[in-house]
Structures are given as structure tokens and as C-alpha cells.
Amino acid sequence: MDDLSRFCCQNAECPDHGLRGAGNLTVCDHYGPNNARRMLRCRTCKSRFSERKGTIFFGATLPEEQIASVMEHIGEGCGVRKTGRLVGVHRDTVTRYSMLAGEHAKDLHDELVAFPPETREVQFDEKWSFVGKKQMHCDPLDPDDAQQGDNRDHVALEPEHRLVVSVVPGKRAAANTERLVNDFKERTGGRAMNLITSDEYVPYKTAILKAYGEEVTPPRTGKPGRPRGPYHVPPPELNYATVHKTREKGRVVKVDFRVVFGTVAAVTAALASSLASNKINTAFVERQNGTDRNRNGRKVRKTYCFSKDWDVHEAVTYFTMYTYNSCWPVRTLRVRMSDGHWAPRSPAMAAGLTDHVWSLHEWLFYPAVQRE
């Protein structure tokens, strides 16, 4: 009996489009080398499609094992040329599958981490990297340099389960900060978090207030002049604090916190119920930054593997950041079993989104829902 639970109809006009395990699929044919690949048929809309559709293997001529090996090397911090030499493919092939894997990871993340139900806290941060050349060498008047130079991974991490909820690669700008906060809010159903923390990057305050604040429209006063426009006020349940670092001669000598929204008592109560922290910090998202720098050779601070092209940079960012949730067992999340052995857990397992640590091959072969 064929297990088709991970597949869904890829016909966007089908009533069962995107529904996995709905019982509407059947194997209607086999094709490919040794007839090893299955052709699926939807009983609802009568459409036929390959089991590879929605994966990076669809339309590929390379063996699956070689494609998976390419992405395993990329996910372990190897550069494009290193990966090409080790796997025995051209560097352009490595780039092409990196782009496909990034798009696939983004689509899967939108489904698998669409609404993490156990998320109660969030830490925001921005991880530095650069594309093409350092910022000092960029010409602000040259359109080709618009995506070159310094770039940031704007990250929303849920510290209790180490889950990467949202990532927005791009320039360190208020617009990208707002995109990050809005995306996190959408994925968590708009509910207020017990605690929000970040560094003292100013745009976070405005973005958080705009996303979670209550809009107030002032009444007309009847006096001359333009009336005051609507503005946002923080609701009582919004708790947002920033980490304040005191530096002397460039070194951090003291770490404190400042409450931006909410009260000290409310923030203290949120910390008391936290499964991760007993004080205000951004340590968990900063630790994940270090993990991603190890997994993504483009993010190492001093390297020849830095990104030369923005599109590939963005794709590999999504690939390493989002596969981390399901495929990376985090040591501090492991649990001791009754026999004394330690059972590994990934962030997705800890957050209740899956029941096992995925292999990278399983992730790559899990078909993303085709929206067009």
C-alpha cells in the first residue's frame, strides 16, 4: 500500500488543493529510471502530476542522491565552488539548486510554521552580512549597488522552543523591521505575547506599537487648524523590553534592561512564567545567529565564500534558517528517556509541530504546495 499522506493535489483549482492525507490521491502510473517514480492522480479533479512536483527534484536530471548531497554541503557551511568540487558538479548547478532549495524552504515554512500554537515569547534581532562588497565600496548613485554591501537577516526567534518564526533578509531599514514584526504577528494569529525583547534598535518600538497597538482617533476640538490624526497606544497586555548594554572602550561591562511598553511588574511576571529566561536578554536569538553562521558559509565574518549575488544570498538564507527548525537537533532541547539515554529534539519538535527530527532528504522531498 502506497503511503501518500505527505502529498496533496497540486491543481490550484481543485477543491482539495493543498490538503494532505485527504484520501483523494492514488498512484496511476510509474515512470523514470527503473519506473521508480510515481505518477499521482487526484480523484476529485482528475488531474495527474509527478510525486516530485513541489520539490527541488522536479524536472531534475541529476540523481536524487547527488542533489541531496549538494544541499547537505551547502547546509554544512561549504561554499559554491567547494561544494561543486566535492560533489562533482559545476558551480552553476550548485547555484541553481540553492535557488530552488531556498524557494522550497520558504514555501514549506509558510505551511509548517504558519501558526505555531505554543509561541508565547519572541526575541527580535538583526544578523549582519554583506553581498558583493563591503558597504564602504558601494556607490549610492549606482542602481547595481542597491542590494550590494551590508545586509541583515531580520530574525524573530521564539526562545522557549528555539523556533525561527520569521526571517526578513535585506537592508537594515525601518521597512524591513516592520515587515518582520507584521509577519510574526500574522503567524501567531495576532495574539499578544507574554514578552517581546530586542536590542535598542529604534525602529522596533514604532513597528511593535503599530502592529500591536490600539488605534485612537482623537475627537474634533472645533478649534482652528488641522485636527490631530489617528495614533496608536500600547494595550495593557503588551510587554516589550530592550536589552541595554553599557560599554567602556568598546567592551560591554554591564547588561541591563529597559521596559518600553508595559510595567516592570508585568515584565517580571512574564519572566517568572518563562520556560527560557529569568532575565531580559536576546541571548537565544544571538546564539541562533552563531549557529546559522556555522551552517551558512556566506555569513562567516571573514571568508572567501561571501555572497556575490543577492538572489542566491536570499535563497540560501531561507534554506539554512528554515531547515534549522525541522532538521537541526538542538542540544539544550534534548530530553532524557526512561532508559537514561538522551533523545534529540529539533525546535519544531519542541514546539509541537512535528514528532521527529527530519532528515534533510525528507525535507527536500516534502512537496511544497504549488500556488499557481
Foldseek 3Di string as FASTA:
>chain_A
DDDQQLDWDQPQPFPGFPPGPPPQKDFDAFDDDVSPWTWIAGNRPRDIDTLQAQFLCVPDPDDLVLLLQLVQCQQQQDFLVVSCVVSVHDSVVSLVSLLRLLVSLVLVLCPLLQALAPQQEKEWEKAKFFAADAPVPADPVDPVCQQGHIKIWTWIARQLLRATRDTDIGHPDLVSLLVRLQSSCSSNVNDAHLEYEYAPPPSNVVSNQVSNFDKDADDDPPDDDDDDGIDTDHDQNHWYKYWDFDDDPRHTDDIDMDTDDHDPVSNCVSLVPGNGHNHGDNVSVVVVSVVLVSRHNLSPPDDPRHHHDDSSVSSSVSNNNSLQQQAPFDPVPWDADPVRDTDTDGSCCVSVSDPHRDHSSRSSSSRRRNND
